[in-house]
Amino acid sequence: MMVGWGCERSRGDRSVLGMSVAGFVLMAASILMAAPAKAANVGSTLVMDANTGEVLLSREADTQRFPASLTKMMTLYLVFEALETGALTLDTPMKVSAYAAARPPTKLGLKVGSSLLVKEAIPALITRSANDAAVVIAEQLGGTEARFAEMMTAKARQLGMSRTTFANAHGLPNPGNVSTATDIARLAMALREHFPERYAYFQIKSFSFRGTTIPTHNNLLKRSAIFDGIKTGYTNASGFNIATSVSSEGKRLLIVVFGGRTARSRDDYVGSLVQAYLPKASTRRSGPLMASLRPTFKGPAVRSHAASLPAAVPYPTAKPDLVESRIAQAFGSRSRDEVVVDPNKGSSQDSVRAAILQALSEEPRAKPAQLPVPTMKAMSGTELQRPASMPTASVHSSLVASRSMSDTWDVQIAATPSQATARHILSEVQARLAASVLGASQPVAQELRDGDRTLYRARFTGFASKASADTACAAIKRVAYTCYAVAAAN
């Protein structure tokens, strides 16, 4: 079986150098009519207002998929941490092992026994998406790539990336290396907020490596100046992925797409998303969306192997101010849970993903660390499972009251403008699950008015405890939709 290795292939992508914002809008408008067909072939989509944390669009954003070279965003996060604390410097030489040099393309073609400077490795990961350079970093900071992958997973948990595990530093196909659009968005936010000066690396269009100019794989950076980062990724198993940031006239979007069929169609799809959602973005910045930096690495100076590093463990006492908390507090009725996933329209990548999983089932890999997910907290300190769909004005008071007044729990699957769609979802879930799973709960298409619009929550109501609601939700996720447990008062 042929397996594609982490190389972003342009397939005829066209650079539009120097395009103005107005020119980009015209370009995006010209492709908008074709966007629905392209979108149907994309595995996951998340569009976020990066000023406020509001999720403007979500399609299968919590479905685990292969991140491919988006994995290197976490590798770079740990490099930036090490630079901040003095565990690395930009001039630190890192030895190239035989294992690192043997990684499949794309790569720099490093020679065994040579050295790679940190200041060379950073742009190499961003532009060339160099797999050999990623392993050189992993071995420098973790001793072995498997050990570094454990550190990556621990950091993911600290950042609230609850559905992500890393098995390597580069994103080459491995069943243990999975993430979601939501989690990658969290990581992109953390990179921007925790390392604002180093975030500029993600804007690099090319860099010179020992006499050779290496161009970026991220062709959106060449289409318009409004694109200011951050990373692309591709394998046969993942399709064409991207996390990209857009900034224009005080508005900012963060867009994550998994599973494009080609780099060009994915980029055009992103263009249509910018055309549709940039006008809806806010110019008001709400402050940090992520918890403050909690470095893994300690000084002094340079570390050479894992024995000198702290254990790769989660931070169980950390209470990060996550993006989802802000969504629930300020934009509850417009959260990602409004988006309905049609169960009859599976991802075009699903069959490929299954085939690669089977092909790689016997590949030796690091066992993902079994780490607890940190409890998400609203800014008030009230425990929050997921953002509930509720009117903006009443979000905070409802969250507080629900935990003290309600004796029963509901499972919410989605909110949709169509009552018929909400009922269809409930019927679909009932048809796929054994009656014992849902117990005595009742399906309800619950009407919710928010200003001048009406939504219908697809819920099963009347669970006697949060534990029973969570059990039902877990079963629903296995066969149909995403969901979350919510106190009945919500």
Protein backbone atom coordinates (compact mmCIF):
# COMPACT_ATOMS: atom_id res chain seq x y z
CA MET A 1 0.00 0.00 0.00
CA MET A 2 1.33 3.43 -0.93
CA VAL A 3 1.42 5.95 1.88
CA GLY A 4 1.92 9.66 1.25
CA TRP A 5 4.47 11.28 3.50
CA GLY A 6 4.09 14.76 4.97
CA CYS A 7 4.57 16.89 1.90
CA GLU A 8 2.34 19.83 0.98
CA ARG A 9 1.87 19.54 -2.77
CA SER A 10 0.62 22.62 -4.57
CA ARG A 11 -0.83 20.88 -7.66
CA GLY A 12 -0.82 24.07 -9.61
CA ASP A 13 -1.49 26.54 -6.81
CA ARG A 14 -1.26 30.08 -8.14
CA SER A 15 0.46 32.83 -6.19
CA VAL A 16 -1.21 36.25 -6.29
CA LEU A 17 1.59 38.44 -5.00
CA GLY A 18 0.72 41.87 -3.68
CA MET A 19 -3.04 41.37 -3.86
CA SER A 20 -4.91 44.06 -1.94
CA VAL A 21 -7.70 43.35 0.53
CA ALA A 22 -10.21 44.52 -2.05
CA GLY A 23 -8.62 42.28 -4.64
CA PHE A 24 -8.80 39.33 -2.30
CA VAL A 25 -12.49 39.96 -1.65
CA LEU A 26 -13.14 39.87 -5.40
CA MET A 27 -11.14 36.66 -5.67
CA ALA A 28 -13.04 35.09 -2.80
CA ALA A 29 -16.38 36.19 -4.27
CA SER A 30 -15.49 34.58 -7.58
CA ILE A 31 -15.06 31.18 -5.94
CA LEU A 32 -17.95 31.46 -3.52
CA MET A 33 -20.45 29.76 -5.82
CA ALA A 34 -18.27 26.65 -5.92
CA ALA A 35 -17.64 26.61 -2.17
CA PRO A 36 -20.50 24.28 -1.12
CA ALA A 37 -19.23 21.45 -3.33
CA LYS A 38 -15.70 21.88 -2.04
CA ALA A 39 -16.89 22.11 1.54
CA ALA A 40 -18.73 18.78 1.21
CA ASN A 41 -15.37 17.10 0.58
CA VAL A 42 -13.63 18.66 3.57
CA GLY A 43 -13.31 16.58 6.72
CA SER A 44 -13.47 19.30 9.40
CA THR A 45 -13.87 23.08 9.49
CA LEU A 46 -13.61 25.64 12.28
CA VAL A 47 -13.88 29.42 11.84
CA MET A 48 -13.23 31.51 14.95
CA ASP A 49 -13.25 35.23 15.62
CA ALA A 50 -9.69 35.46 16.94
CA ASN A 51 -10.38 38.75 18.74
CA THR A 52 -13.16 37.37 20.92
CA GLY A 53 -13.06 33.56 20.76
CA GLU A 54 -16.53 33.31 19.17
CA VAL A 55 -16.90 30.26 16.95
CA LEU A 56 -18.55 31.42 13.73
CA LEU A 57 -18.64 28.06 11.94
CA SER A 58 -18.02 24.48 13.04
CA ARG A 59 -18.31 21.32 10.97
CA GLU A 60 -17.08 18.09 12.57
CA ALA A 61 -14.61 20.25 14.50
CA ASP A 62 -14.37 17.72 17.37
CA THR A 63 -13.86 14.67 15.15
CA GLN A 64 -10.43 13.13 15.63
CA ARG A 65 -8.36 13.17 12.44
CA PHE A 66 -4.73 12.97 11.42
CA PRO A 67 -3.17 16.43 11.76
CA ALA A 68 -0.23 15.62 9.47
CA SER A 69 2.34 18.43 9.65
CA LEU A 70 0.07 20.58 11.81
CA THR A 71 1.73 18.39 14.45
CA LYS A 72 4.81 20.58 14.04
CA MET A 73 2.88 23.47 15.59
CA MET A 74 3.25 21.69 18.92
CA THR A 75 6.91 20.85 18.22
CA LEU A 76 7.48 24.56 17.66
CA TYR A 77 5.49 25.48 20.76
CA LEU A 78 7.92 23.45 22.88
CA VAL A 79 10.89 25.00 21.06
CA PHE A 80 9.56 28.48 21.80
CA GLU A 81 9.08 27.53 25.45
CA ALA A 82 12.66 26.30 25.64
CA LEU A 83 13.89 29.56 24.11
CA GLU A 84 11.87 31.61 26.59
CA THR A 85 13.37 29.82 29.58
CA GLY A 86 16.93 29.54 28.28
CA ALA A 87 16.85 25.77 27.79
CA LEU A 88 17.73 26.58 24.16
CA THR A 89 19.17 29.55 22.33
CA LEU A 90 18.79 30.35 18.65
CA ASP A 91 22.47 29.41 18.19
CA THR A 92 22.25 26.07 20.00
CA PRO A 93 23.74 23.34 17.75
CA MET A 94 21.65 20.15 17.69
CA LYS A 95 23.20 16.86 16.59
CA VAL A 96 21.70 14.93 13.68
CA SER A 97 21.25 11.24 14.49
CA ALA A 98 20.98 8.42 11.96
CA TYR A 99 17.32 8.04 12.91
CA ALA A 100 16.60 11.73 12.28
CA ALA A 101 18.45 11.76 8.97
CA ALA A 102 16.50 8.70 7.77
CA ARG A 103 13.05 10.31 8.16
CA PRO A 104 11.02 10.32 4.91
CA PRO A 105 10.54 13.53 2.89
CA THR A 106 9.83 16.30 3.02
CA LYS A 107 13.11 17.09 4.72
CA LEU A 108 16.30 19.12 4.56
CA GLY A 109 18.51 16.14 3.74
CA LEU A 110 20.66 16.48 6.85
CA LYS A 111 23.80 14.35 7.14
CA VAL A 112 24.35 11.97 10.04
CA GLY A 113 26.67 13.50 12.62
CA SER A 114 26.17 17.06 11.40
CA SER A 115 24.59 19.83 13.45
CA LEU A 116 21.48 21.94 12.92
CA LEU A 117 21.10 25.29 14.66
CA VAL A 118 17.81 26.12 16.35
CA LYS A 119 17.51 29.26 14.22
CA GLU A 120 17.75 27.02 11.13
CA ALA A 121 15.32 24.41 12.40
CA ILE A 122 12.45 26.81 13.15
CA PRO A 123 11.95 28.15 9.59
CA ALA A 124 12.70 24.68 8.20
CA LEU A 125 9.70 23.28 10.07
CA ILE A 126 7.46 26.15 8.96
CA THR A 127 8.42 26.45 5.27
CA ARG A 128 9.77 23.05 4.17
CA SER A 129 7.90 21.19 6.94
CA ALA A 130 11.13 19.26 7.36
CA ASN A 131 10.64 15.92 9.06
CA ASP A 132 14.32 15.34 9.74
CA ALA A 133 14.60 18.72 11.47
CA ALA A 134 11.55 17.91 13.61
CA VAL A 135 13.22 14.75 14.91
CA VAL A 136 16.48 16.60 15.58
CA ILE A 137 14.50 18.96 17.82
CA ALA A 138 12.68 16.06 19.47
CA GLU A 139 15.92 14.29 20.33
CA GLN A 140 17.52 17.50 21.58
CA LEU A 141 14.69 18.28 23.97
CA GLY A 142 13.38 14.82 24.77
CA GLY A 143 16.30 12.45 24.29
CA THR A 144 14.15 10.25 22.05
CA GLU A 145 11.27 11.08 19.75
CA ALA A 146 8.94 8.83 21.76
CA ARG A 147 9.81 10.69 24.95
CA PHE A 148 9.28 14.05 23.21
CA ALA A 149 5.88 12.88 21.94
CA GLU A 150 4.85 12.23 25.54
CA MET A 151 5.92 15.76 26.39
CA MET A 152 3.87 17.07 23.44
CA THR A 153 0.79 15.21 24.66
CA ALA A 154 1.26 16.50 28.19
CA LYS A 155 1.46 20.04 26.86
CA ALA A 156 -1.66 19.45 24.78
CA ARG A 157 -3.56 18.50 27.93
CA GLN A 158 -2.28 21.59 29.71
CA LEU A 159 -3.59 23.74 26.85
CA GLY A 160 -6.99 22.05 26.97
CA MET A 161 -6.49 19.97 23.80
CA SER A 162 -8.55 17.12 25.23
CA ARG A 163 -8.91 15.04 22.05
CA THR A 164 -5.29 15.20 20.91
CA THR A 165 -2.46 12.70 21.35
CA PHE A 166 0.95 12.89 19.72
CA ALA A 167 3.08 9.91 18.75
CA ASN A 168 5.82 11.77 16.88
CA ALA A 169 7.23 15.24 16.31
CA HIS A 170 6.39 15.63 12.62
CA GLY A 171 2.97 14.20 11.81
CA LEU A 172 3.97 11.31 9.57
CA PRO A 173 1.19 8.67 9.59
CA ASN A 174 0.75 6.97 12.95
CA PRO A 175 -2.57 5.79 14.46
CA GLY A 176 -1.58 7.37 17.78
CA ASN A 177 -1.13 10.85 16.29
CA VAL A 178 -4.58 12.44 16.19
CA SER A 179 -6.16 15.81 16.83
CA THR A 180 -9.25 17.88 16.00
CA ALA A 181 -9.92 21.24 14.37
CA THR A 182 -10.98 22.64 17.76
CA ASP A 183 -7.77 21.50 19.43
CA ILE A 184 -5.56 22.83 16.65
CA ALA A 185 -7.36 26.18 16.98
CA ARG A 186 -6.47 26.18 20.69
CA LEU A 187 -2.85 25.49 19.84
CA ALA A 188 -2.77 28.28 17.24
CA MET A 189 -4.23 30.68 19.81
CA ALA A 190 -1.64 29.62 22.37
CA LEU A 191 1.21 30.14 19.93
CA ARG A 192 0.02 33.66 19.15
CA GLU A 193 -0.72 34.69 22.72
CA HIS A 194 2.17 33.01 24.52
CA PHE A 195 4.86 33.90 21.95
CA PRO A 196 3.70 37.09 20.19
CA GLU A 197 7.18 37.99 18.96
CA ARG A 198 8.05 34.50 17.73
CA TYR A 199 4.65 34.10 16.09
CA ALA A 200 6.04 36.18 13.22
CA TYR A 201 7.98 33.09 12.12
CA PHE A 202 4.71 31.72 10.75
CA GLN A 203 4.59 34.57 8.23
CA ILE A 204 7.82 33.48 6.51
CA LYS A 205 7.35 33.01 2.75
CA SER A 206 10.85 31.59 2.19
CA PHE A 207 14.18 31.19 3.92
CA SER A 208 17.76 30.54 2.90
CA PHE A 209 19.35 27.34 4.16
CA ARG A 210 23.05 27.00 3.46
CA GLY A 211 22.84 28.60 0.03
CA THR A 212 19.45 27.21 -0.99
CA THR A 213 16.24 29.27 -0.93
CA ILE A 214 13.32 27.23 0.36
CA PRO A 215 9.80 28.57 -0.33
CA THR A 216 6.84 28.04 1.97
CA HIS A 217 4.15 25.44 1.32
CA ASN A 218 1.55 27.92 2.59
CA ASN A 219 0.42 29.57 -0.64
CA LEU A 220 -2.24 31.62 1.11
CA LEU A 221 0.57 33.83 2.41
CA LYS A 222 1.25 34.71 -1.22
CA ARG A 223 -2.37 35.35 -2.16
CA SER A 224 -2.96 38.32 0.09
CA ALA A 225 -1.34 40.27 2.90
CA ILE A 226 -4.39 39.65 5.08
CA PHE A 227 -3.13 36.08 5.66
CA ASP A 228 -0.55 36.18 8.45
CA GLY A 229 0.13 32.48 9.26
CA ILE A 230 0.29 29.77 10.29
CA LYS A 231 0.84 26.12 9.03
CA THR A 232 -0.17 23.58 6.40
CA GLY A 233 -0.05 19.78 6.45
CA TYR A 234 -0.57 16.84 4.11
CA THR A 235 -0.46 13.06 4.05
CA ASN A 236 -2.59 10.63 2.06
CA ALA A 237 -4.36 9.73 5.28
CA SER A 238 -5.17 13.29 6.33
CA GLY A 239 -5.78 15.09 3.09
CA PHE A 240 -4.73 18.73 2.83
CA ASN A 241 -4.93 20.47 6.21
CA ILE A 242 -4.37 24.07 7.21
CA ALA A 243 -4.52 26.37 10.20
CA THR A 244 -4.53 29.95 8.98
CA SER A 245 -4.84 33.39 10.50
CA VAL A 246 -6.46 36.39 8.81
CA SER A 247 -6.13 40.02 9.87
CA SER A 248 -7.83 42.99 8.20
CA GLU A 249 -8.79 46.43 9.52
CA GLY A 250 -8.78 45.31 13.14
CA LYS A 251 -10.70 42.08 12.47
CA ARG A 252 -9.07 38.68 12.96
CA LEU A 253 -10.15 35.19 11.97
CA LEU A 254 -8.61 31.83 12.81
CA ILE A 255 -9.57 29.10 10.33
CA VAL A 256 -8.74 25.39 10.60
CA VAL A 257 -9.56 22.97 7.78
CA PHE A 258 -8.81 19.24 7.75
CA GLY A 259 -9.12 16.93 4.77
CA GLY A 260 -9.06 19.02 1.60
CA ARG A 261 -8.74 17.05 -1.63
CA THR A 262 -6.03 19.31 -3.08
CA ALA A 263 -4.04 22.23 -1.74
CA ARG A 264 -5.69 24.52 -4.30
CA SER A 265 -9.27 23.48 -3.49
CA ARG A 266 -8.55 23.74 0.24
CA ASP A 267 -7.11 27.23 -0.18
CA ASP A 268 -10.05 28.32 -2.32
CA TYR A 269 -12.40 26.96 0.34
CA VAL A 270 -10.56 29.01 2.96
CA GLY A 271 -10.98 32.03 0.68
CA SER A 272 -14.73 31.49 0.60
CA LEU A 273 -14.79 31.23 4.39
CA VAL A 274 -12.96 34.55 4.69
CA GLN A 275 -15.43 36.13 2.27
CA ALA A 276 -18.36 34.82 4.30
CA TYR A 277 -17.15 35.38 7.87
CA LEU A 278 -14.68 38.27 7.95
CA PRO A 279 -17.54 40.81 7.71
CA LYS A 280 -19.08 39.18 10.81
CA ALA A 281 -15.90 39.39 12.88
CA SER A 282 -15.48 41.91 15.66
CA THR A 283 -12.89 44.68 15.87
CA ARG A 284 -13.18 44.52 19.67
CA ARG A 285 -10.46 42.52 21.42
CA SER A 286 -11.59 40.76 24.58
CA GLY A 287 -8.13 40.11 25.97
CA PRO A 288 -6.25 36.79 26.26
CA LEU A 289 -8.20 33.70 25.22
CA MET A 290 -5.74 31.22 26.70
CA ALA A 291 -4.26 30.72 30.15
CA SER A 292 -0.86 32.24 30.76
CA LEU A 293 2.31 30.44 29.71
CA ARG A 294 3.37 27.55 32.01
CA PRO A 295 6.77 26.43 30.68
CA THR A 296 7.77 22.78 30.60
CA PHE A 297 11.47 23.60 30.41
CA LYS A 298 13.66 25.27 33.00
CA GLY A 299 17.03 27.00 32.53
CA PRO A 300 19.90 27.26 32.58
CA ALA A 301 21.16 27.35 29.03
CA VAL A 302 21.21 24.33 26.80
CA ARG A 303 19.76 20.87 27.49
CA SER A 304 21.11 17.92 25.56
CA HIS A 305 18.84 15.02 26.48
CA ALA A 306 15.77 13.99 28.45
CA ALA A 307 17.57 13.05 31.65
CA SER A 308 18.07 16.73 32.43
CA LEU A 309 14.44 17.67 31.79
CA PRO A 310 11.44 17.63 34.12
CA ALA A 311 9.06 14.71 33.79
CA ALA A 312 6.46 15.03 31.02
CA VAL A 313 3.42 15.11 33.25
CA PRO A 314 0.21 17.13 33.09
CA TYR A 315 -0.51 20.08 35.32
CA PRO A 316 -3.47 18.78 37.33
CA THR A 317 -3.92 22.00 39.28
CA ALA A 318 -3.96 24.24 36.22
CA LYS A 319 -7.30 25.93 35.55
CA PRO A 320 -6.83 27.39 32.07
CA ASP A 321 -9.11 30.16 30.82
CA LEU A 322 -9.97 28.23 27.66
CA VAL A 323 -11.50 29.48 24.46
CA GLU A 324 -14.63 27.40 25.13
CA SER A 325 -15.16 29.15 28.46
CA ARG A 326 -15.25 32.52 26.75
CA ILE A 327 -17.58 31.21 24.07
CA ALA A 328 -20.01 29.98 26.70
CA GLN A 329 -19.81 33.19 28.71
CA ALA A 330 -20.23 35.66 25.89
CA PHE A 331 -21.55 33.83 22.82
CA GLY A 332 -23.46 30.82 24.11
CA SER A 333 -26.29 30.82 21.59
CA ARG A 334 -23.86 31.20 18.70
CA SER A 335 -21.41 28.52 19.72
CA ARG A 336 -20.18 25.68 17.56
CA ASP A 337 -22.95 23.39 18.85
CA GLU A 338 -25.47 25.08 16.56
CA VAL A 339 -23.90 23.37 13.59
CA VAL A 340 -25.56 20.14 12.56
CA VAL A 341 -23.55 17.37 11.00
CA ASP A 342 -25.48 15.35 8.45
CA PRO A 343 -24.80 11.67 9.26
CA ASN A 344 -25.49 10.73 5.63
CA LYS A 345 -22.56 12.84 4.39
CA GLY A 346 -19.45 11.14 5.66
CA SER A 347 -16.03 12.65 5.15
CA SER A 348 -14.25 11.77 1.95
CA GLN A 349 -11.20 11.07 4.12
CA ASP A 350 -12.90 8.48 6.33
CA SER A 351 -12.22 5.50 4.08
CA VAL A 352 -8.63 6.59 3.53
CA ARG A 353 -8.18 7.07 7.25
CA ALA A 354 -9.49 3.56 7.94
CA ALA A 355 -7.20 2.05 5.33
CA ILE A 356 -4.12 3.78 6.72
CA LEU A 357 -5.04 2.76 10.26
CA GLN A 358 -5.18 -0.85 9.12
CA ALA A 359 -1.94 -0.58 7.15
CA LEU A 360 -0.10 0.90 10.10
CA SER A 361 -1.70 -1.25 12.80
CA GLU A 362 1.53 -3.18 13.40
CA GLU A 363 3.88 -0.19 13.18
CA PRO A 364 5.91 0.26 16.39
CA ARG A 365 4.88 3.46 18.09
CA ALA A 366 5.01 5.18 21.40
CA LYS A 367 2.08 4.43 23.64
CA PRO A 368 0.20 7.71 24.11
CA ALA A 369 0.38 8.93 27.66
CA GLN A 370 -2.85 8.35 29.59
CA LEU A 371 -3.29 11.83 30.96
CA PRO A 372 -6.30 13.35 32.70
CA VAL A 373 -8.07 16.19 30.91
CA PRO A 374 -7.92 19.38 32.96
CA THR A 375 -11.29 20.62 34.17
CA MET A 376 -12.57 23.49 32.06
CA LYS A 377 -13.55 26.50 34.12
CA ALA A 378 -15.67 29.51 33.32
CA MET A 379 -14.21 32.82 34.44
CA SER A 380 -16.49 32.74 37.47
CA GLY A 381 -14.96 29.40 38.55
CA THR A 382 -18.21 27.53 37.76
CA GLU A 383 -17.58 24.08 36.32
CA LEU A 384 -18.41 23.96 32.62
CA GLN A 385 -18.76 20.84 30.49
CA ARG A 386 -19.24 22.51 27.10
CA PRO A 387 -20.71 25.81 25.96
CA ALA A 388 -24.50 25.61 26.17
CA SER A 389 -26.70 27.29 23.56
CA MET A 390 -28.50 30.08 25.39
CA PRO A 391 -29.22 33.78 24.95
CA THR A 392 -26.16 35.98 25.36
CA ALA A 393 -27.58 38.13 28.13
CA SER A 394 -28.42 35.20 30.38
CA VAL A 395 -25.38 32.96 29.92
CA HIS A 396 -23.49 33.75 33.12
CA SER A 397 -26.44 33.68 35.50
CA SER A 398 -27.82 30.49 33.94
CA LEU A 399 -24.52 28.66 34.33
CA VAL A 400 -24.30 29.56 38.01
CA ALA A 401 -27.92 28.77 38.79
CA SER A 402 -27.97 25.47 36.94
CA ARG A 403 -25.39 23.85 39.18
CA SER A 404 -27.24 24.73 42.38
CA MET A 405 -30.93 24.39 41.45
CA SER A 406 -31.27 21.52 38.96
CA ASP A 407 -31.79 17.91 40.02
CA THR A 408 -31.88 16.47 36.49
CA TRP A 409 -29.58 16.53 33.49
CA ASP A 410 -30.05 16.72 29.73
CA VAL A 411 -27.89 15.63 26.82
CA GLN A 412 -27.71 18.27 24.10
CA ILE A 413 -26.66 17.17 20.64
CA ALA A 414 -27.04 20.32 18.53
CA ALA A 415 -29.03 23.48 18.00
CA THR A 416 -30.45 24.21 14.57
CA PRO A 417 -32.79 26.79 12.98
CA SER A 418 -35.00 23.93 11.73
CA GLN A 419 -37.34 22.12 14.10
CA ALA A 420 -37.63 19.28 11.59
CA THR A 421 -33.85 18.87 11.55
CA ALA A 422 -33.73 18.76 15.35
CA ARG A 423 -36.38 16.03 15.36
CA HIS A 424 -34.53 14.12 12.65
CA ILE A 425 -31.38 14.13 14.77
CA LEU A 426 -33.27 12.77 17.77
CA SER A 427 -34.91 10.05 15.69
CA GLU A 428 -31.57 9.12 14.15
CA VAL A 429 -29.97 8.73 17.58
CA GLN A 430 -32.88 6.65 18.89
CA ALA A 431 -32.65 4.36 15.87
CA ARG A 432 -28.93 3.76 16.37
CA LEU A 433 -28.91 3.19 20.13
CA ALA A 434 -30.33 0.47 22.34
CA ALA A 435 -33.29 1.70 24.35
CA SER A 436 -31.45 1.00 27.60
CA VAL A 437 -28.82 3.63 26.79
CA LEU A 438 -31.32 6.48 26.80
CA GLY A 439 -33.38 4.99 29.62
CA ALA A 440 -36.41 7.06 30.59
CA SER A 441 -35.13 10.26 28.98
CA GLN A 442 -37.36 12.02 26.49
CA PRO A 443 -36.43 13.47 23.05
CA VAL A 444 -37.22 17.18 22.88
CA ALA A 445 -36.81 19.75 20.09
CA GLN A 446 -36.59 22.63 22.55
CA GLU A 447 -37.35 26.09 21.17
CA LEU A 448 -34.93 28.89 22.02
CA ARG A 449 -35.37 32.52 21.02
CA ASP A 450 -32.30 34.72 20.72
CA GLY A 451 -33.13 38.22 19.54
CA ASP A 452 -34.76 37.98 16.14
CA ARG A 453 -33.96 34.34 15.47
CA THR A 454 -35.25 31.00 16.71
CA LEU A 455 -33.23 27.85 17.31
CA TYR A 456 -34.30 24.33 18.23
CA ARG A 457 -32.14 22.34 20.62
CA ALA A 458 -32.03 18.61 19.96
CA ARG A 459 -31.96 17.19 23.50
CA PHE A 460 -32.70 14.10 25.52
CA THR A 461 -34.05 15.31 28.84
CA GLY A 462 -34.63 13.80 32.27
CA PHE A 463 -31.42 11.97 33.22
CA ALA A 464 -31.28 11.43 36.97
CA SER A 465 -27.59 12.29 37.31
CA LYS A 466 -24.71 13.82 35.45
CA ALA A 467 -23.04 10.39 35.33
CA SER A 468 -25.99 8.83 33.51
CA ALA A 469 -26.11 11.78 31.09
CA ASP A 470 -22.38 11.43 30.41
CA THR A 471 -22.78 7.69 29.77
CA ALA A 472 -25.55 8.34 27.25
CA CYS A 473 -23.52 11.08 25.60
CA ALA A 474 -20.52 8.78 25.23
CA ALA A 475 -22.71 6.22 23.46
CA ILE A 476 -24.17 8.90 21.17
CA LYS A 477 -20.68 10.06 20.18
CA ARG A 478 -19.72 6.52 19.19
CA VAL A 479 -22.59 6.11 16.74
CA ALA A 480 -23.72 9.51 15.56
CA TYR A 481 -23.11 13.04 16.81
CA THR A 482 -21.08 15.10 19.23
CA CYS A 483 -22.93 16.02 22.41
CA TYR A 484 -22.52 17.20 25.98
CA ALA A 485 -24.30 16.93 29.31
CA VAL A 486 -25.99 20.04 30.68
CA ALA A 487 -28.03 20.69 33.82
CA ALA A 488 -31.75 20.77 33.01
CA ALA A 489 -32.05 24.39 34.12
CA ASN A 490 -30.05 25.33 31.03
